[in-house]
PDB file of N, CA and C in Angstrom:
ATOM      1  N   MET A   1      79.954 -25.097  -3.503  1.00  0.00           N
ATOM      2  CA  MET A   1      79.109 -25.950  -2.538  1.00  0.00           C
ATOM      3  C   MET A   1      78.433 -26.454  -3.506  1.00  0.00           C
ATOM      4  N   ALA A   2      78.390 -28.006  -2.881  1.00  0.00           N
ATOM      5  CA  ALA A   2      77.335 -28.610  -3.741  1.00  0.00           C
ATOM      6  C   ALA A   2      75.660 -27.792  -3.153  1.00  0.00           C
ATOM      7  N   PRO A   3      74.849 -27.951  -4.249  1.00  0.00           N
ATOM      8  CA  PRO A   3      73.754 -27.379  -4.164  1.00  0.00           C
ATOM      9  C   PRO A   3      73.078 -28.264  -3.200  1.00  0.00           C
ATOM     10  N   ARG A   4      72.462 -29.210  -3.363  1.00  0.00           N
ATOM     11  CA  ARG A   4      72.320 -30.357  -2.352  1.00  0.00           C
ATOM     12  C   ARG A   4      72.675 -29.916  -1.009  1.00  0.00           C
ATOM     13  N   ARG A   5      73.486 -29.809  -0.183  1.00  0.00           N
ATOM     14  CA  ARG A   5      74.383 -29.411   0.844  1.00  0.00           C
ATOM     15  C   ARG A   5      73.943 -27.960   1.084  1.00  0.00           C
ATOM     16  N   ARG A   6      73.576 -27.013   0.620  1.00  0.00           N
ATOM     17  CA  ARG A   6      73.200 -25.566   0.189  1.00  0.00           C
ATOM     18  C   ARG A   6      71.655 -26.077   0.717  1.00  0.00           C
ATOM     19  N   THR A   7      71.096 -26.624   0.388  1.00  0.00           N
ATOM     20  CA  THR A   7      69.077 -27.157   0.529  1.00  0.00           C
ATOM     21  C   THR A   7      68.757 -27.506   1.551  1.00  0.00           C
ATOM     22  N   VAL A   8      69.792 -28.302   1.765  1.00  0.00           N
ATOM     23  CA  VAL A   8      69.796 -28.799   3.673  1.00  0.00           C
ATOM     24  C   VAL A   8      70.353 -28.373   4.527  1.00  0.00           C
ATOM     25  N   LEU A   9      71.247 -27.083   4.293  1.00  0.00           N
ATOM     26  CA  LEU A   9      71.450 -26.107   5.659  1.00  0.00           C
ATOM     27  C   LEU A   9      70.602 -25.588   5.641  1.00  0.00           C
ATOM     28  N   ARG A  10      69.837 -24.611   4.288  1.00  0.00           N
ATOM     29  CA  ARG A  10      68.950 -23.454   4.305  1.00  0.00           C
ATOM     30  C   ARG A  10      67.775 -24.377   5.209  1.00  0.00           C
ATOM     31  N   VAL A  11      67.216 -25.631   5.176  1.00  0.00           N
ATOM     32  CA  VAL A  11      66.294 -26.362   5.400  1.00  0.00           C
ATOM     33  C   VAL A  11      66.625 -26.037   7.205  1.00  0.00           C
ATOM     34  N   LEU A  12      67.657 -26.991   7.092  1.00  0.00           N
ATOM     35  CA  LEU A  12      67.856 -26.635   8.748  1.00  0.00           C
ATOM     36  C   LEU A  12      67.687 -24.980   9.608  1.00  0.00           C
ATOM     37  N   TRP A  13      68.203 -24.620   8.630  1.00  0.00           N
ATOM     38  CA  TRP A  13      68.331 -23.019   9.500  1.00  0.00           C
ATOM     39  C   TRP A  13      66.794 -22.382   9.258  1.00  0.00           C
ATOM     40  N   LEU A  14      65.770 -22.723   8.741  1.00  0.00           N
ATOM     41  CA  LEU A  14      64.663 -22.066   8.634  1.00  0.00           C
ATOM     42  C   LEU A  14      63.885 -23.106  10.428  1.00  0.00           C
ATOM     43  N   LEU A  15      64.132 -24.652   9.955  1.00  0.00           N
ATOM     44  CA  LEU A  15      63.801 -25.093  11.216  1.00  0.00           C
ATOM     45  C   LEU A  15      64.536 -24.612  12.386  1.00  0.00           C
ATOM     46  N   LEU A  16      65.684 -23.952  12.479  1.00  0.00           N
ATOM     47  CA  LEU A  16      65.749 -23.303  13.779  1.00  0.00           C
ATOM     48  C   LEU A  16      65.315 -22.065  14.024  1.00  0.00           C
ATOM     49  N   LEU A  17      64.669 -21.077  12.839  1.00  0.00           N
ATOM     50  CA  LEU A  17      63.863 -20.191  13.294  1.00  0.00           C
ATOM     51  C   LEU A  17      62.795 -20.090  13.480  1.00  0.00           C
ATOM     52  N   VAL A  18      62.097 -21.490  13.263  1.00  0.00           N
ATOM     53  CA  VAL A  18      60.904 -22.033  13.550  1.00  0.00           C
ATOM     54  C   VAL A  18      61.259 -21.675  15.055  1.00  0.00           C
ATOM     55  N   PHE A  19      61.887 -22.780  15.476  1.00  0.00           N
ATOM     56  CA  PHE A  19      62.030 -22.911  16.823  1.00  0.00           C
ATOM     57  C   PHE A  19      62.379 -22.195  17.237  1.00  0.00           C
ATOM     58  N   VAL A  20      62.813 -20.709  17.424  1.00  0.00           N
ATOM     59  CA  VAL A  20      63.384 -19.827  18.441  1.00  0.00           C
ATOM     60  C   VAL A  20      61.848 -19.346  18.269  1.00  0.00           C
ATOM     61  N   VAL A  21      61.658 -18.910  17.234  1.00  0.00           N
ATOM     62  CA  VAL A  21      60.442 -17.668  17.421  1.00  0.00           C
ATOM     63  C   VAL A  21      59.378 -18.785  18.162  1.00  0.00           C
ATOM     64  N   ILE A  22      58.702 -19.565  17.996  1.00  0.00           N
ATOM     65  CA  ILE A  22      57.924 -20.101  18.509  1.00  0.00           C
ATOM     66  C   ILE A  22      58.651 -20.603  20.402  1.00  0.00           C
ATOM     67  N   GLY A  23      59.770 -21.026  20.547  1.00  0.00           N
ATOM     68  CA  GLY A  23      60.046 -20.592  22.209  1.00  0.00           C
ATOM     69  C   GLY A  23      59.933 -19.871  22.618  1.00  0.00           C
ATOM     70  N   SER A  24      60.322 -18.529  21.907  1.00  0.00           N
ATOM     71  CA  SER A  24      60.627 -17.383  22.501  1.00  0.00           C
ATOM     72  C   SER A  24      59.020 -16.783  22.513  1.00  0.00           C
ATOM     73  N   LEU A  25      57.817 -17.247  22.324  1.00  0.00           N
ATOM     74  CA  LEU A  25      56.527 -16.695  22.424  1.00  0.00           C
ATOM     75  C   LEU A  25      55.366 -17.524  22.962  1.00  0.00           C
ATOM     76  N   LEU A  26      56.332 -18.576  23.495  1.00  0.00           N
ATOM     77  CA  LEU A  26      56.030 -19.727  24.408  1.00  0.00           C
ATOM     78  C   LEU A  26      55.254 -19.051  25.906  1.00  0.00           C
ATOM     79  N   PRO A  27      54.140 -19.274  26.452  1.00  0.00           N
ATOM     80  CA  PRO A  27      53.943 -19.135  27.998  1.00  0.00           C
ATOM     81  C   PRO A  27      54.765 -19.599  28.866  1.00  0.00           C
ATOM     82  N   GLY A  28      55.661 -18.891  29.664  1.00  0.00           N
ATOM     83  CA  GLY A  28      56.151 -19.152  30.196  1.00  0.00           C
ATOM     84  C   GLY A  28      56.031 -20.869  31.254  1.00  0.00           C
ATOM     85  N   ASP A  29      54.514 -20.442  31.309  1.00  0.00           N
ATOM     86  CA  ASP A  29      54.373 -21.857  32.209  1.00  0.00           C
ATOM     87  C   ASP A  29      53.489 -22.994  31.094  1.00  0.00           C
ATOM     88  N   SER A  30      54.749 -22.968  29.875  1.00  0.00           N
ATOM     89  CA  SER A  30      53.987 -23.552  28.921  1.00  0.00           C
ATOM     90  C   SER A  30      54.674 -25.046  29.305  1.00  0.00           C
ATOM     91  N   ALA A  31      54.055 -26.373  29.248  1.00  0.00           N
ATOM     92  CA  ALA A  31      55.340 -27.816  29.021  1.00  0.00           C
ATOM     93  C   ALA A  31      56.820 -27.498  28.930  1.00  0.00           C
ATOM     94  N   PRO A  32      56.645 -27.249  26.968  1.00  0.00           N
ATOM     95  CA  PRO A  32      58.450 -27.337  26.797  1.00  0.00           C
ATOM     96  C   PRO A  32      59.027 -26.362  27.497  1.00  0.00           C
ATOM     97  N   LEU A  33      58.461 -25.134  28.263  1.00  0.00           N
ATOM     98  CA  LEU A  33      59.190 -24.453  29.283  1.00  0.00           C
ATOM     99  C   LEU A  33      59.877 -24.565  30.391  1.00  0.00           C
ATOM    100  N   LEU A  34      58.577 -25.589  30.981  1.00  0.00           N
ATOM    101  CA  LEU A  34      58.799 -26.061  32.465  1.00  0.00           C
ATOM    102  C   LEU A  34      59.733 -27.429  31.918  1.00  0.00           C
ATOM    103  N   LEU A  35      59.844 -27.648  31.157  1.00  0.00           N
ATOM    104  CA  LEU A  35      60.867 -28.753  31.094  1.00  0.00           C
ATOM    105  C   LEU A  35      61.845 -28.234  30.598  1.00  0.00           C
ATOM    106  N   LEU A  36      62.639 -28.073  30.019  1.00  0.00           N
ATOM    107  CA  LEU A  36      63.325 -27.095  29.910  1.00  0.00           C
ATOM    108  C   LEU A  36      64.356 -26.478  31.176  1.00  0.00           C
ATOM    109  N   GLY A  37      62.946 -25.461  31.686  1.00  0.00           N
ATOM    110  CA  GLY A  37      63.467 -24.878  33.341  1.00  0.00           C
ATOM    111  C   GLY A  37      64.342 -25.773  34.298  1.00  0.00           C
ATOM    112  N   LYS A  38      64.088 -27.029  33.834  1.00  0.00           N
ATOM    113  CA  LYS A  38      64.650 -28.272  34.835  1.00  0.00           C
ATOM    114  C   LYS A  38      66.084 -28.422  34.535  1.00  0.00           C
ATOM    115  N   PHE A  39      66.664 -27.941  33.517  1.00  0.00           N
ATOM    116  CA  PHE A  39      67.548 -28.046  33.223  1.00  0.00           C
ATOM    117  C   PHE A  39      68.833 -26.787  33.819  1.00  0.00           C
ATOM    118  N   GLN A  40      68.543 -26.072  34.686  1.00  0.00           N
ATOM    119  CA  GLN A  40      68.761 -24.730  34.774  1.00  0.00           C
ATOM    120  C   GLN A  40      69.867 -24.646  34.485  1.00  0.00           C
ATOM    121  N   LEU A  41      69.500 -24.291  32.739  1.00  0.00           N
ATOM    122  CA  LEU A  41      70.557 -23.470  32.238  1.00  0.00           C
ATOM    123  C   LEU A  41      70.290 -21.633  32.191  1.00  0.00           C
ATOM    124  N   ASN A  42      71.018 -21.607  31.787  1.00  0.00           N
ATOM    125  CA  ASN A  42      71.049 -19.551  32.158  1.00  0.00           C
ATOM    126  C   ASN A  42      70.164 -19.225  31.379  1.00  0.00           C
ATOM    127  N   ASP A  43      69.250 -18.076  31.071  1.00  0.00           N
ATOM    128  CA  ASP A  43      68.278 -17.645  30.259  1.00  0.00           C
ATOM    129  C   ASP A  43      69.553 -16.732  29.091  1.00  0.00           C
ATOM    130  N   LYS A  44      70.683 -16.436  29.711  1.00  0.00           N
ATOM    131  CA  LYS A  44      71.119 -15.493  28.544  1.00  0.00           C
ATOM    132  C   LYS A  44      72.119 -16.518  27.510  1.00  0.00           C
ATOM    133  N   VAL A  45      72.618 -17.563  28.058  1.00  0.00           N
ATOM    134  CA  VAL A  45      73.265 -18.661  27.699  1.00  0.00           C
ATOM    135  C   VAL A  45      72.320 -19.176  25.917  1.00  0.00           C
ATOM    136  N   LEU A  46      70.773 -19.195  26.631  1.00  0.00           N
ATOM    137  CA  LEU A  46      70.054 -19.807  25.979  1.00  0.00           C
ATOM    138  C   LEU A  46      69.747 -19.144  24.447  1.00  0.00           C
ATOM    139  N   HIS A  47      69.674 -18.124  24.784  1.00  0.00           N
ATOM    140  CA  HIS A  47      69.562 -16.707  23.955  1.00  0.00           C
ATOM    141  C   HIS A  47      70.875 -16.670  22.887  1.00  0.00           C
ATOM    142  N   PHE A  48      71.968 -17.118  23.383  1.00  0.00           N
ATOM    143  CA  PHE A  48      73.007 -16.468  22.949  1.00  0.00           C
ATOM    144  C   PHE A  48      73.238 -17.584  22.005  1.00  0.00           C
ATOM    145  N   LEU A  49      72.880 -18.922  22.525  1.00  0.00           N
ATOM    146  CA  LEU A  49      73.060 -19.936  21.399  1.00  0.00           C
ATOM    147  C   LEU A  49      72.319 -20.293  20.528  1.00  0.00           C
ATOM    148  N   ALA A  50      70.551 -19.761  20.912  1.00  0.00           N
ATOM    149  CA  ALA A  50      69.919 -19.517  19.544  1.00  0.00           C
ATOM    150  C   ALA A  50      70.540 -18.809  18.664  1.00  0.00           C
ATOM    151  N   TYR A  51      70.401 -17.639  19.062  1.00  0.00           N
ATOM    152  CA  TYR A  51      71.062 -16.513  17.837  1.00  0.00           C
ATOM    153  C   TYR A  51      72.502 -17.053  17.216  1.00  0.00           C
ATOM    154  N   ALA A  52      73.266 -17.500  18.058  1.00  0.00           N
ATOM    155  CA  ALA A  52      74.518 -18.485  17.124  1.00  0.00           C
ATOM    156  C   ALA A  52      74.112 -19.448  16.123  1.00  0.00           C
ATOM    157  N   GLY A  53      73.234 -19.790  16.508  1.00  0.00           N
ATOM    158  CA  GLY A  53      72.961 -21.220  15.514  1.00  0.00           C
ATOM    159  C   GLY A  53      72.719 -20.263  14.334  1.00  0.00           C
ATOM    160  N   LEU A  54      71.307 -19.325  14.073  1.00  0.00           N
ATOM    161  CA  LEU A  54      70.613 -18.124  13.257  1.00  0.00           C
ATOM    162  C   LEU A  54      71.810 -17.999  12.421  1.00  0.00           C
ATOM    163  N   THR A  55      72.706 -17.725  13.006  1.00  0.00           N
ATOM    164  CA  THR A  55      73.777 -17.015  12.073  1.00  0.00           C
ATOM    165  C   THR A  55      74.951 -17.807  11.792  1.00  0.00           C
ATOM    166  N   LEU A  56      75.051 -18.889  12.495  1.00  0.00           N
ATOM    167  CA  LEU A  56      76.156 -19.513  11.982  1.00  0.00           C
ATOM    168  C   LEU A  56      76.461 -20.424  11.317  1.00  0.00           C
ATOM    169  N   LEU A  57      75.111 -21.006  10.996  1.00  0.00           N
ATOM    170  CA  LEU A  57      74.574 -21.873   9.475  1.00  0.00           C
ATOM    171  C   LEU A  57      75.078 -20.970   8.887  1.00  0.00           C
ATOM    172  N   PRO A  58      74.070 -19.579   8.404  1.00  0.00           N
ATOM    173  CA  PRO A  58      74.861 -19.226   6.730  1.00  0.00           C
ATOM    174  C   PRO A  58      76.173 -18.861   6.738  1.00  0.00           C
ATOM    175  N   ALA A  59      76.240 -18.086   8.120  1.00  0.00           N
ATOM    176  CA  ALA A  59      77.707 -17.658   7.576  1.00  0.00           C
ATOM    177  C   ALA A  59      78.920 -19.166   7.095  1.00  0.00           C
ATOM    178  N   THR A  60      78.268 -20.812   6.940  1.00  0.00           N
ATOM    179  CA  THR A  60      79.166 -21.237   6.480  1.00  0.00           C
ATOM    180  C   THR A  60      78.948 -21.458   4.776  1.00  0.00           C
ATOM    181  N   HIS A  61      77.822 -20.855   4.464  1.00  0.00           N
ATOM    182  CA  HIS A  61      78.058 -21.106   2.665  1.00  0.00           C
ATOM    183  C   HIS A  61      77.421 -20.136   2.426  1.00  0.00           C
ATOM    184  N   GLU A  62      76.482 -19.244   2.541  1.00  0.00           N
ATOM    185  CA  GLU A  62      75.604 -17.901   1.900  1.00  0.00           C
ATOM    186  C   GLU A  62      77.219 -16.573   1.729  1.00  0.00           C
ATOM    187  N   ASN A  63      76.803 -15.794   0.153  1.00  0.00           N
ATOM    188  CA  ASN A  63      77.216 -14.724  -0.016  1.00  0.00           C
ATOM    189  C   ASN A  63      77.219 -14.040   1.010  1.00  0.00           C
ATOM    190  N   ARG A  64      78.062 -13.411   0.776  1.00  0.00           N
ATOM    191  CA  ARG A  64      78.794 -11.942   1.978  1.00  0.00           C
ATOM    192  C   ARG A  64      76.947 -11.075   1.696  1.00  0.00           C
ATOM    193  N   ALA A  65      76.398 -10.484   0.846  1.00  0.00           N
ATOM    194  CA  ALA A  65      75.649  -9.781   0.715  1.00  0.00           C
ATOM    195  C   ALA A  65      74.531 -10.732   1.265  1.00  0.00           C
ATOM    196  N   THR A  66      74.627 -12.030   0.979  1.00  0.00           N
ATOM    197  CA  THR A  66      72.880 -12.415   2.184  1.00  0.00           C
ATOM    198  C   THR A  66      73.129 -13.161   2.976  1.00  0.00           C
ATOM    199  N   LEU A  67      74.442 -12.665   3.331  1.00  0.00           N
ATOM    200  CA  LEU A  67      74.902 -13.506   4.969  1.00  0.00           C
ATOM    201  C   LEU A  67      74.737 -11.669   6.172  1.00  0.00           C
ATOM    202  N   LEU A  68      75.104 -10.823   5.205  1.00  0.00           N
ATOM    203  CA  LEU A  68      74.666  -9.923   5.804  1.00  0.00           C
ATOM    204  C   LEU A  68      73.069  -8.912   6.251  1.00  0.00           C
ATOM    205  N   THR A  69      72.365  -9.639   5.073  1.00  0.00           N
ATOM    206  CA  THR A  69      71.532  -9.217   5.477  1.00  0.00           C
ATOM    207  C   THR A  69      70.431  -9.847   6.238  1.00  0.00           C
ATOM    208  N   LEU A  70      70.894 -11.505   6.390  1.00  0.00           N
ATOM    209  CA  LEU A  70      69.916 -12.380   7.855  1.00  0.00           C
ATOM    210  C   LEU A  70      70.692 -12.250   8.955  1.00  0.00           C
ATOM    211  N   LEU A  71      71.791 -11.226   9.240  1.00  0.00           N
ATOM    212  CA  LEU A  71      72.322 -11.094  10.514  1.00  0.00           C
ATOM    213  C   LEU A  71      71.285  -9.816  10.864  1.00  0.00           C
ATOM    214  N   GLY A  72      71.112  -8.645   9.703  1.00  0.00           N
ATOM    215  CA  GLY A  72      69.833  -7.394   9.681  1.00  0.00           C
ATOM    216  C   GLY A  72      69.098  -8.101  10.698  1.00  0.00           C
ATOM    217  N   LEU A  73      68.313  -8.914   9.674  1.00  0.00           N
ATOM    218  CA  LEU A  73      67.006  -9.758   9.792  1.00  0.00           C
ATOM    219  C   LEU A  73      66.942 -10.010  10.922  1.00  0.00           C
ATOM    220  N   VAL A  74      67.920 -11.083  11.921  1.00  0.00           N
ATOM    221  CA  VAL A  74      68.294 -11.457  13.163  1.00  0.00           C
ATOM    222  C   VAL A  74      68.152 -10.697  13.841  1.00  0.00           C
ATOM    223  N   LEU A  75      68.900  -9.956  13.682  1.00  0.00           N
ATOM    224  CA  LEU A  75      69.095  -8.490  14.737  1.00  0.00           C
ATOM    225  C   LEU A  75      68.077  -7.997  15.251  1.00  0.00           C
ATOM    226  N   VAL A  76      67.019  -7.879  14.180  1.00  0.00           N
ATOM    227  CA  VAL A  76      65.894  -7.139  14.106  1.00  0.00           C
ATOM    228  C   VAL A  76      64.598  -8.088  14.691  1.00  0.00           C
ATOM    229  N   LEU A  77      65.151  -9.483  14.537  1.00  0.00           N
ATOM    230  CA  LEU A  77      63.915 -10.506  15.033  1.00  0.00           C
ATOM    231  C   LEU A  77      64.192 -10.854  16.408  1.00  0.00           C
ATOM    232  N   GLY A  78      65.138 -10.455  16.704  1.00  0.00           N
ATOM    233  CA  GLY A  78      65.327 -10.877  18.182  1.00  0.00           C
ATOM    234  C   GLY A  78      65.101  -9.823  19.572  1.00  0.00           C
ATOM    235  N   VAL A  79      64.852  -8.513  18.649  1.00  0.00           N
ATOM    236  CA  VAL A  79      64.620  -7.308  19.091  1.00  0.00           C
ATOM    237  C   VAL A  79      63.046  -7.488  19.144  1.00  0.00           C
ATOM    238  N   LEU A  80      62.253  -7.393  17.791  1.00  0.00           N
ATOM    239  CA  LEU A  80      60.962  -7.959  18.038  1.00  0.00           C
ATOM    240  C   LEU A  80      60.366  -8.798  18.941  1.00  0.00           C
ATOM    241  N   LEU A  81      61.017 -10.301  18.876  1.00  0.00           N
ATOM    242  CA  LEU A  81      60.427 -10.955  19.600  1.00  0.00           C
ATOM    243  C   LEU A  81      60.417 -10.914  21.618  1.00  0.00           C
ATOM    244  N   GLU A  82      61.444  -9.856  21.755  1.00  0.00           N
ATOM    245  CA  GLU A  82      61.594  -9.548  23.250  1.00  0.00           C
ATOM    246  C   GLU A  82      60.454  -8.699  23.410  1.00  0.00           C
ATOM    247  N   PHE A  83      60.353  -7.662  22.387  1.00  0.00           N
ATOM    248  CA  PHE A  83      59.219  -6.918  22.664  1.00  0.00           C
ATOM    249  C   PHE A  83      57.874  -7.896  22.602  1.00  0.00           C
ATOM    250  N   GLY A  84      57.308  -8.451  21.787  1.00  0.00           N
ATOM    251  CA  GLY A  84      56.002  -9.663  22.056  1.00  0.00           C
ATOM    252  C   GLY A  84      56.109 -10.094  23.133  1.00  0.00           C
ATOM    253  N   GLN A  85      57.214 -10.445  24.179  1.00  0.00           N
ATOM    254  CA  GLN A  85      57.066 -11.297  25.092  1.00  0.00           C
ATOM    255  C   GLN A  85      56.354 -10.390  26.252  1.00  0.00           C
ATOM    256  N   TYR A  86      55.825  -8.922  26.036  1.00  0.00           N
ATOM    257  CA  TYR A  86      55.129  -8.382  26.774  1.00  0.00           C
ATOM    258  C   TYR A  86      53.741  -9.043  26.623  1.00  0.00           C
ATOM    259  N   TYR A  87      53.388  -9.318  25.645  1.00  0.00           N
ATOM    260  CA  TYR A  87      52.063 -10.091  25.906  1.00  0.00           C
ATOM    261  C   TYR A  87      51.988 -11.274  25.939  1.00  0.00           C
ATOM    262  N   VAL A  88      53.042 -12.434  26.377  1.00  0.00           N
ATOM    263  CA  VAL A  88      52.936 -13.418  26.534  1.00  0.00           C
ATOM    264  C   VAL A  88      52.896 -13.882  28.165  1.00  0.00           C
ATOM    265  N   SER A  89      51.896 -14.790  28.550  1.00  0.00           N
ATOM    266  CA  SER A  89      51.865 -14.579  30.091  1.00  0.00           C
ATOM    267  C   SER A  89      53.018 -15.673  31.064  1.00  0.00           C
ATOM    268  N   GLU A  90      53.533 -14.509  32.018  1.00  0.00           N
ATOM    269  CA  GLU A  90      54.776 -15.819  32.108  1.00  0.00           C
ATOM    270  C   GLU A  90      56.138 -15.160  31.350  1.00  0.00           C
ATOM    271  N   ARG A  91      56.236 -14.051  30.198  1.00  0.00           N
ATOM    272  CA  ARG A  91      58.060 -14.032  29.268  1.00  0.00           C
ATOM    273  C   ARG A  91      57.569 -12.563  30.359  1.00  0.00           C
ATOM    274  N   PHE A  92      58.929 -12.277  29.651  1.00  0.00           N
ATOM    275  CA  PHE A  92      59.061 -10.825  30.276  1.00  0.00           C
ATOM    276  C   PHE A  92      60.436 -10.170  29.465  1.00  0.00           C
ATOM    277  N   PHE A  93      60.239  -8.672  28.376  1.00  0.00           N
ATOM    278  CA  PHE A  93      61.472  -8.204  27.884  1.00  0.00           C
ATOM    279  C   PHE A  93      62.020  -7.975  28.800  1.00  0.00           C
ATOM    280  N   GLU A  94      63.173  -8.167  28.266  1.00  0.00           N
ATOM    281  CA  GLU A  94      64.406  -7.681  28.573  1.00  0.00           C
ATOM    282  C   GLU A  94      65.708  -7.217  28.238  1.00  0.00           C
ATOM    283  N   ILE A  95      66.518  -6.510  28.483  1.00  0.00           N
ATOM    284  CA  ILE A  95      67.166  -5.525  27.305  1.00  0.00           C
ATOM    285  C   ILE A  95      68.540  -6.045  27.667  1.00  0.00           C
ATOM    286  N   PRO A  96      68.556  -7.101  28.653  1.00  0.00           N
ATOM    287  CA  PRO A  96      69.822  -8.300  28.280  1.00  0.00           C
ATOM    288  C   PRO A  96      69.527  -9.552  27.500  1.00  0.00           C
ATOM    289  N   ASP A  97      68.830  -9.754  27.190  1.00  0.00           N
ATOM    290  CA  ASP A  97      68.266 -11.018  26.457  1.00  0.00           C
ATOM    291  C   ASP A  97      68.185 -10.228  25.319  1.00  0.00           C
ATOM    292  N   MET A  98      68.607  -9.108  24.308  1.00  0.00           N
ATOM    293  CA  MET A  98      68.737  -8.786  23.811  1.00  0.00           C
ATOM    294  C   MET A  98      69.526  -8.512  23.261  1.00  0.00           C
ATOM    295  N   ALA A  99      70.606  -8.330  24.147  1.00  0.00           N
ATOM    296  CA  ALA A  99      72.235  -8.026  24.427  1.00  0.00           C
ATOM    297  C   ALA A  99      72.531  -9.472  24.012  1.00  0.00           C
ATOM    298  N   ALA A 100      72.331 -10.248  25.012  1.00  0.00           N
ATOM    299  CA  ALA A 100      73.061 -11.919  24.764  1.00  0.00           C
ATOM    300  C   ALA A 100      72.639 -12.194  23.241  1.00  0.00           C
ATOM    301  N   ASN A 101      71.308 -12.072  22.535  1.00  0.00           N
ATOM    302  CA  ASN A 101      70.678 -12.538  21.079  1.00  0.00           C
ATOM    303  C   ASN A 101      71.715 -11.385  20.414  1.00  0.00           C
ATOM    304  N   TRP A 102      72.155 -10.549  20.114  1.00  0.00           N
ATOM    305  CA  TRP A 102      72.839  -9.713  19.595  1.00  0.00           C
ATOM    306  C   TRP A 102      74.513 -10.395  19.717  1.00  0.00           C
ATOM    307  N   CYS A 103      75.011 -10.674  20.904  1.00  0.00           N
ATOM    308  CA  CYS A 103      76.342 -10.779  20.811  1.00  0.00           C
ATOM    309  C   CYS A 103      75.843 -12.352  20.460  1.00  0.00           C
ATOM    310  N   GLY A 104      75.471 -13.314  20.373  1.00  0.00           N
ATOM    311  CA  GLY A 104      75.267 -14.864  19.863  1.00  0.00           C
ATOM    312  C   GLY A 104      75.684 -14.280  18.384  1.00  0.00           C
ATOM    313  N   ALA A 105      74.646 -13.544  17.542  1.00  0.00           N
ATOM    314  CA  ALA A 105      74.427 -13.367  16.186  1.00  0.00           C
ATOM    315  C   ALA A 105      75.825 -12.920  15.713  1.00  0.00           C
ATOM    316  N   ILE A 106      76.405 -12.357  16.641  1.00  0.00           N
ATOM    317  CA  ILE A 106      77.718 -11.720  16.292  1.00  0.00           C
ATOM    318  C   ILE A 106      78.986 -12.960  16.260  1.00  0.00           C
ATOM    319  N   CYS A 107      78.515 -13.790  17.187  1.00  0.00           N
ATOM    320  CA  CYS A 107      79.738 -14.519  17.460  1.00  0.00           C
ATOM    321  C   CYS A 107      79.764 -15.815  16.798  1.00  0.00           C
ATOM    322  N   GLY A 108      77.937 -16.155  16.336  1.00  0.00           N
ATOM    323  CA  GLY A 108      77.719 -17.099  15.338  1.00  0.00           C
ATOM    324  C   GLY A 108      78.899 -16.781  14.315  1.00  0.00           C
ATOM    325  N   ILE A 109      78.350 -15.565  13.459  1.00  0.00           N
ATOM    326  CA  ILE A 109      79.232 -15.076  12.081  1.00  0.00           C
ATOM    327  C   ILE A 109      80.677 -15.084  12.088  1.00  0.00           C
ATOM    328  N   LEU A 110      81.223 -15.066  12.849  1.00  0.00           N
ATOM    329  CA  LEU A 110      82.545 -15.090  13.222  1.00  0.00           C
ATOM    330  C   LEU A 110      83.099 -16.360  13.367  1.00  0.00           C
ATOM    331  N   THR A 111      82.170 -17.384  13.871  1.00  0.00           N
ATOM    332  CA  THR A 111      82.888 -18.069  14.261  1.00  0.00           C
ATOM    333  C   THR A 111      82.379 -19.366  12.651  1.00  0.00           C
ATOM    334  N   GLY A 112      81.299 -19.488  12.259  1.00  0.00           N
ATOM    335  CA  GLY A 112      81.237 -19.470  10.578  1.00  0.00           C
ATOM    336  C   GLY A 112      81.700 -19.318   9.841  1.00  0.00           C
ATOM    337  N   ILE A 113      82.560 -17.844   9.893  1.00  0.00           N
ATOM    338  CA  ILE A 113      83.039 -17.441   8.654  1.00  0.00           C
ATOM    339  C   ILE A 113      84.661 -18.540   8.043  1.00  0.00           C
ATOM    340  N   PRO A 114      85.470 -18.880   9.335  1.00  0.00           N
ATOM    341  CA  PRO A 114      86.412 -19.731   9.276  1.00  0.00           C
ATOM    342  C   PRO A 114      86.615 -20.965   7.994  1.00  0.00           C
ATOM    343  N   PHE A 115      84.671 -21.524   8.037  1.00  0.00           N
ATOM    344  CA  PHE A 115      84.588 -23.278   7.911  1.00  0.00           C
ATOM    345  C   PHE A 115      84.027 -22.660   6.519  1.00  0.00           C
ATOM    346  N   ARG A 116      83.545 -21.461   5.604  1.00  0.00           N
ATOM    347  CA  ARG A 116      83.449 -21.056   3.877  1.00  0.00           C
ATOM    348  C   ARG A 116      84.412 -21.752   3.035  1.00  0.00           C
ATOM    349  N   PRO A 117      83.678 -22.834   2.230  1.00  0.00           N
ATOM    350  CA  PRO A 117      84.506 -22.950   1.329  1.00  0.00           C
ATOM    351  C   PRO A 117      85.686 -22.585   0.347  1.00  0.00           C
TER     352      PRO A 117
END
């Protein structure tokens, strides 16, 4: 894979990571979350898609060791952010959210592997 393409994918991944962290820790009554709520998307679907994206991008270009490390970090991140919601107004800790995060992360890797060069 061309170094430039790998760099672009890594930057996109970092942006998605920042988006997921900020989105997970915004108060439930914040303007972005209220706007998102107008789309009436299922909360678990949003968790699944966010974490699938966090593993899909690296699965297409990172080596196996890096990918497994990232998977572990993403799974831990999902748990920590869920616990962090205890301290954010209008947000709630939910084990099903963690399950959706984990399912999304695993599906992201499985979806991305066939696209490896």
